[in-house]
Amino acid sequence: MVVPKANRTARALLILAPLGVVLAGWFAFALFMGGTSADRAMFDVMIFALAVGSATLWLLAHHLALGAWHKSLLGAMGVGLGVTLVAGLSLGFGSNETLVGTAVVGVMMIVMVLGYALAARGYRSRRAWRFLVYLAVGGAAGSLVSTLLVISVFSLILGNGPGSVRMFLTAVIWGGFMVAGMVFLTSLPFAILGLCSRFFRQRLILCSPPQPASSCDNCDASAPAVT
């Protein structure tokens, strides 16, 4: 498990449950779609990187929450991009395809971190449905913006982008929602664990703004802090 002392407990092993759900779900989907392992190698790396990145963020959340929100966000970004670098090394370097794949994984990791950040803000009321809605909305918004920027940059670099404004917008919308879907479905099992497990919910509360005093009747912020 990730090194901090707070993770040296059997409860931290619960993180393996959503990790297994994501990987099993992906492999089942891949078998249903058919094709060879070489055909889906890039997608395998994307899903695995997102799953490992999500697990790492939950395991380190109590440390990431110690500073100001912008420091926490930068720290989470650093964790996500570190996982992206490892994923890129697994793809190997030396071809445009692997560089593009690594860049896409990096963009998806940033989208996931932004989605979690917005969801944590939305969890101020301690309502699980708000966390999930904010996670989905944040991921969708981040995916559309990121896809717009990535397609624009690659179009400028390669000089062969979509031929018309309509094609460009179609590529952005479809690409954005594909990225959003992959990020959300990968994050969802971890989010459910975080909401259901007292151990991980404590970490989510640390990353969330204080609960308004008027709605503290059901507040579980009195749970012992994670050290």
Protein backbone atom coordinates (compact mmCIF):
# COMPACT_ATOMS: atom_id res chain seq x y z
CA MET A 1 0.00 0.00 0.00
CA VAL A 2 1.04 3.63 -0.31
CA VAL A 3 3.60 4.26 2.43
CA PRO A 4 1.97 6.69 4.98
CA LYS A 5 1.37 5.27 8.45
CA ALA A 6 -2.40 5.81 8.18
CA ASN A 7 -2.50 3.23 5.37
CA ARG A 8 -0.83 0.51 7.43
CA THR A 9 -4.16 -1.00 8.38
CA ALA A 10 -6.36 -3.69 6.94
CA ARG A 11 -9.04 -1.10 6.21
CA ALA A 12 -6.81 0.44 3.56
CA LEU A 13 -7.02 -2.86 1.66
CA LEU A 14 -10.63 -1.96 0.84
CA ILE A 15 -9.20 0.13 -1.99
CA LEU A 16 -8.48 -3.12 -3.82
CA ALA A 17 -12.23 -3.74 -4.21
CA PRO A 18 -12.98 -0.83 -6.62
CA LEU A 19 -9.64 -1.44 -8.33
CA GLY A 20 -10.71 -5.02 -9.02
CA VAL A 21 -14.19 -3.90 -10.14
CA VAL A 22 -12.73 -1.46 -12.68
CA LEU A 23 -10.22 -3.93 -14.12
CA ALA A 24 -12.73 -6.81 -14.23
CA GLY A 25 -15.35 -4.57 -15.84
CA TRP A 26 -12.89 -3.36 -18.46
CA PHE A 27 -11.66 -6.84 -19.36
CA ALA A 28 -15.26 -8.10 -19.58
CA PHE A 29 -16.12 -5.20 -21.89
CA ALA A 30 -13.00 -5.82 -23.98
CA LEU A 31 -13.89 -9.50 -24.40
CA PHE A 32 -17.42 -8.53 -25.42
CA MET A 33 -16.10 -6.08 -28.03
CA GLY A 34 -13.58 -8.58 -29.38
CA GLY A 35 -10.25 -7.78 -31.01
CA THR A 36 -6.73 -8.67 -30.00
CA SER A 37 -4.75 -7.55 -26.99
CA ALA A 38 -2.57 -5.48 -29.31
CA ASP A 39 -5.64 -3.63 -30.60
CA ARG A 40 -6.66 -2.52 -27.12
CA ALA A 41 -3.19 -2.08 -25.59
CA MET A 42 -3.52 1.70 -25.45
CA PHE A 43 -6.95 1.50 -23.81
CA ASP A 44 -5.64 -1.08 -21.33
CA VAL A 45 -2.97 1.39 -20.22
CA MET A 46 -5.50 4.25 -20.00
CA ILE A 47 -7.93 2.33 -17.81
CA PHE A 48 -5.21 0.86 -15.60
CA ALA A 49 -3.56 4.28 -15.17
CA LEU A 50 -6.86 5.92 -14.23
CA ALA A 51 -7.67 3.14 -11.76
CA VAL A 52 -4.25 3.25 -10.11
CA GLY A 53 -4.32 7.05 -10.08
CA SER A 54 -7.73 7.10 -8.43
CA ALA A 55 -6.66 4.54 -5.82
CA THR A 56 -3.51 6.52 -5.05
CA LEU A 57 -5.46 9.75 -4.61
CA TRP A 58 -7.79 8.13 -2.07
CA LEU A 59 -4.86 6.61 -0.19
CA LEU A 60 -3.04 9.95 -0.02
CA ALA A 61 -6.10 12.19 0.44
CA HIS A 62 -5.45 12.81 4.16
CA HIS A 63 -2.01 14.22 3.32
CA LEU A 64 -3.18 16.18 0.29
CA ALA A 65 -5.84 17.87 2.46
CA LEU A 66 -3.33 19.35 4.92
CA GLY A 67 -2.55 22.52 2.96
CA ALA A 68 -4.58 25.25 1.28
CA TRP A 69 -6.96 24.11 -1.44
CA HIS A 70 -4.68 25.23 -4.27
CA LYS A 71 -1.74 23.34 -2.75
CA SER A 72 -3.93 20.26 -2.36
CA LEU A 73 -5.00 20.55 -5.99
CA LEU A 74 -1.42 20.90 -7.21
CA GLY A 75 -0.37 17.95 -5.06
CA ALA A 76 -3.16 15.80 -6.51
CA MET A 77 -2.14 16.90 -10.01
CA GLY A 78 1.43 15.89 -9.25
CA VAL A 79 0.30 12.44 -8.09
CA GLY A 80 -1.82 11.99 -11.20
CA LEU A 81 0.91 13.08 -13.58
CA GLY A 82 3.39 10.81 -11.76
CA VAL A 83 1.12 7.86 -12.48
CA THR A 84 0.86 9.12 -16.08
CA LEU A 85 4.64 9.06 -16.41
CA VAL A 86 4.76 5.44 -15.24
CA ALA A 87 2.00 4.60 -17.73
CA GLY A 88 4.01 6.29 -20.48
CA LEU A 89 7.06 4.23 -19.58
CA SER A 90 4.96 1.07 -19.87
CA LEU A 91 4.00 2.11 -23.41
CA GLY A 92 7.60 2.78 -24.33
CA PHE A 93 8.90 5.88 -26.04
CA GLY A 94 10.13 6.48 -29.56
CA SER A 95 6.94 6.75 -31.61
CA ASN A 96 4.32 9.43 -32.09
CA GLU A 97 1.59 6.96 -31.11
CA THR A 98 3.01 6.32 -27.64
CA LEU A 99 3.62 10.04 -27.06
CA VAL A 100 0.05 10.83 -28.05
CA GLY A 101 -1.19 8.00 -25.82
CA THR A 102 0.78 9.33 -22.86
CA ALA A 103 -0.56 12.84 -23.51
CA VAL A 104 -4.14 11.51 -23.60
CA VAL A 105 -3.61 9.63 -20.31
CA GLY A 106 -2.25 12.84 -18.80
CA VAL A 107 -5.28 14.82 -19.93
CA MET A 108 -7.64 12.16 -18.55
CA MET A 109 -5.77 12.18 -15.24
CA ILE A 110 -6.11 15.97 -14.99
CA VAL A 111 -9.83 15.67 -15.75
CA MET A 112 -10.19 13.05 -13.02
CA VAL A 113 -8.40 15.22 -10.46
CA LEU A 114 -10.54 18.24 -11.36
CA GLY A 115 -13.68 16.11 -11.11
CA TYR A 116 -12.69 14.89 -7.65
CA ALA A 117 -11.82 18.45 -6.58
CA LEU A 118 -15.23 19.78 -7.63
CA ALA A 119 -17.00 16.78 -6.09
CA ALA A 120 -15.22 17.35 -2.78
CA ARG A 121 -16.42 20.96 -2.83
CA GLY A 122 -19.95 19.75 -3.55
CA TYR A 123 -19.79 17.34 -0.61
CA ARG A 124 -19.94 20.28 1.80
CA SER A 125 -23.55 19.35 2.62
CA ARG A 126 -22.46 15.73 3.25
CA ARG A 127 -24.98 14.43 0.71
CA ALA A 128 -23.69 11.50 -1.31
CA TRP A 129 -25.76 12.28 -4.40
CA ARG A 130 -24.22 15.76 -4.60
CA PHE A 131 -20.74 14.25 -4.57
CA LEU A 132 -21.60 11.93 -7.47
CA VAL A 133 -23.37 14.65 -9.46
CA TYR A 134 -20.48 17.07 -9.03
CA LEU A 135 -18.06 14.30 -9.98
CA ALA A 136 -19.96 13.67 -13.22
CA VAL A 137 -20.46 17.35 -14.07
CA GLY A 138 -16.88 18.27 -13.24
CA GLY A 139 -15.56 15.41 -15.33
CA ALA A 140 -17.78 16.30 -18.29
CA ALA A 141 -16.86 19.99 -18.21
CA GLY A 142 -13.16 19.24 -17.80
CA SER A 143 -13.27 16.66 -20.60
CA LEU A 144 -14.89 19.04 -23.08
CA VAL A 145 -12.44 21.84 -22.32
CA SER A 146 -9.44 19.49 -22.37
CA THR A 147 -10.54 17.85 -25.62
CA LEU A 148 -11.01 21.28 -27.20
CA LEU A 149 -7.50 22.32 -26.19
CA VAL A 150 -5.87 19.02 -27.21
CA ILE A 151 -7.52 18.91 -30.65
CA SER A 152 -6.66 22.58 -31.22
CA VAL A 153 -3.01 22.08 -30.27
CA PHE A 154 -2.56 18.93 -32.36
CA SER A 155 -4.31 20.58 -35.29
CA LEU A 156 -1.85 23.46 -35.14
CA ILE A 157 1.15 21.17 -34.75
CA LEU A 158 0.19 18.62 -37.40
CA GLY A 159 -1.60 21.06 -39.69
CA ASN A 160 -4.34 18.57 -40.58
CA GLY A 161 -7.19 19.15 -38.14
CA PRO A 162 -10.93 18.75 -38.85
CA GLY A 163 -11.86 20.27 -42.18
CA SER A 164 -14.74 22.48 -41.02
CA VAL A 165 -16.09 24.10 -37.88
CA ARG A 166 -18.87 21.52 -37.76
CA MET A 167 -16.41 18.62 -37.94
CA PHE A 168 -14.24 20.30 -35.33
CA LEU A 169 -17.13 20.75 -32.89
CA THR A 170 -18.33 17.19 -33.54
CA ALA A 171 -14.85 15.84 -32.73
CA VAL A 172 -14.69 17.95 -29.56
CA ILE A 173 -18.13 16.88 -28.34
CA TRP A 174 -17.75 13.17 -29.08
CA GLY A 175 -14.17 13.08 -27.83
CA GLY A 176 -15.09 15.04 -24.71
CA PHE A 177 -17.96 12.77 -23.77
CA MET A 178 -15.91 9.63 -24.46
CA VAL A 179 -13.18 10.90 -22.11
CA ALA A 180 -15.80 11.96 -19.54
CA GLY A 181 -17.45 8.53 -19.67
CA MET A 182 -14.18 6.66 -19.21
CA VAL A 183 -13.08 8.91 -16.34
CA PHE A 184 -16.43 8.81 -14.54
CA LEU A 185 -16.95 5.05 -14.87
CA THR A 186 -13.41 4.46 -13.62
CA SER A 187 -13.85 6.86 -10.69
CA LEU A 188 -17.35 5.70 -9.72
CA PRO A 189 -16.41 2.50 -7.81
CA PHE A 190 -13.81 4.46 -5.82
CA ALA A 191 -16.34 7.22 -5.12
CA ILE A 192 -18.86 4.66 -3.85
CA LEU A 193 -16.21 3.17 -1.56
CA GLY A 194 -15.29 6.63 -0.31
CA LEU A 195 -18.91 7.40 0.52
CA CYS A 196 -19.68 4.02 2.12
CA SER A 197 -16.48 3.30 4.03
CA ARG A 198 -15.99 5.28 7.25
CA PHE A 199 -12.22 4.96 6.81
CA PHE A 200 -12.18 6.65 3.41
CA ARG A 201 -15.11 8.98 4.14
CA GLN A 202 -13.00 10.62 6.84
CA ARG A 203 -10.48 11.50 4.13
CA LEU A 204 -13.20 12.87 1.89
CA ILE A 205 -14.42 15.09 4.75
CA LEU A 206 -10.89 16.40 5.26
CA CYS A 207 -10.80 17.42 1.59
CA SER A 208 -14.24 19.09 1.74
CA PRO A 209 -15.17 22.56 3.00
CA PRO A 210 -16.59 22.72 6.55
CA GLN A 211 -20.22 21.75 6.78
CA PRO A 212 -22.62 24.67 7.26
CA ALA A 213 -23.63 25.01 10.93
CA SER A 214 -27.32 24.88 10.04
CA SER A 215 -27.00 21.37 8.62
CA CYS A 216 -24.68 19.79 11.16
CA ASP A 217 -27.38 17.58 12.66
CA ASN A 218 -26.13 14.61 10.66
CA CYS A 219 -22.54 15.73 10.59
CA ASP A 220 -20.01 12.93 10.83
CA ALA A 221 -17.05 15.27 10.88
CA SER A 222 -16.62 14.32 14.51
CA ALA A 223 -15.04 11.09 13.31
CA PRO A 224 -11.45 10.79 14.50
CA ALA A 225 -8.96 12.46 12.21
CA VAL A 226 -6.68 10.33 10.07
CA THR A 227 -3.02 10.82 10.90
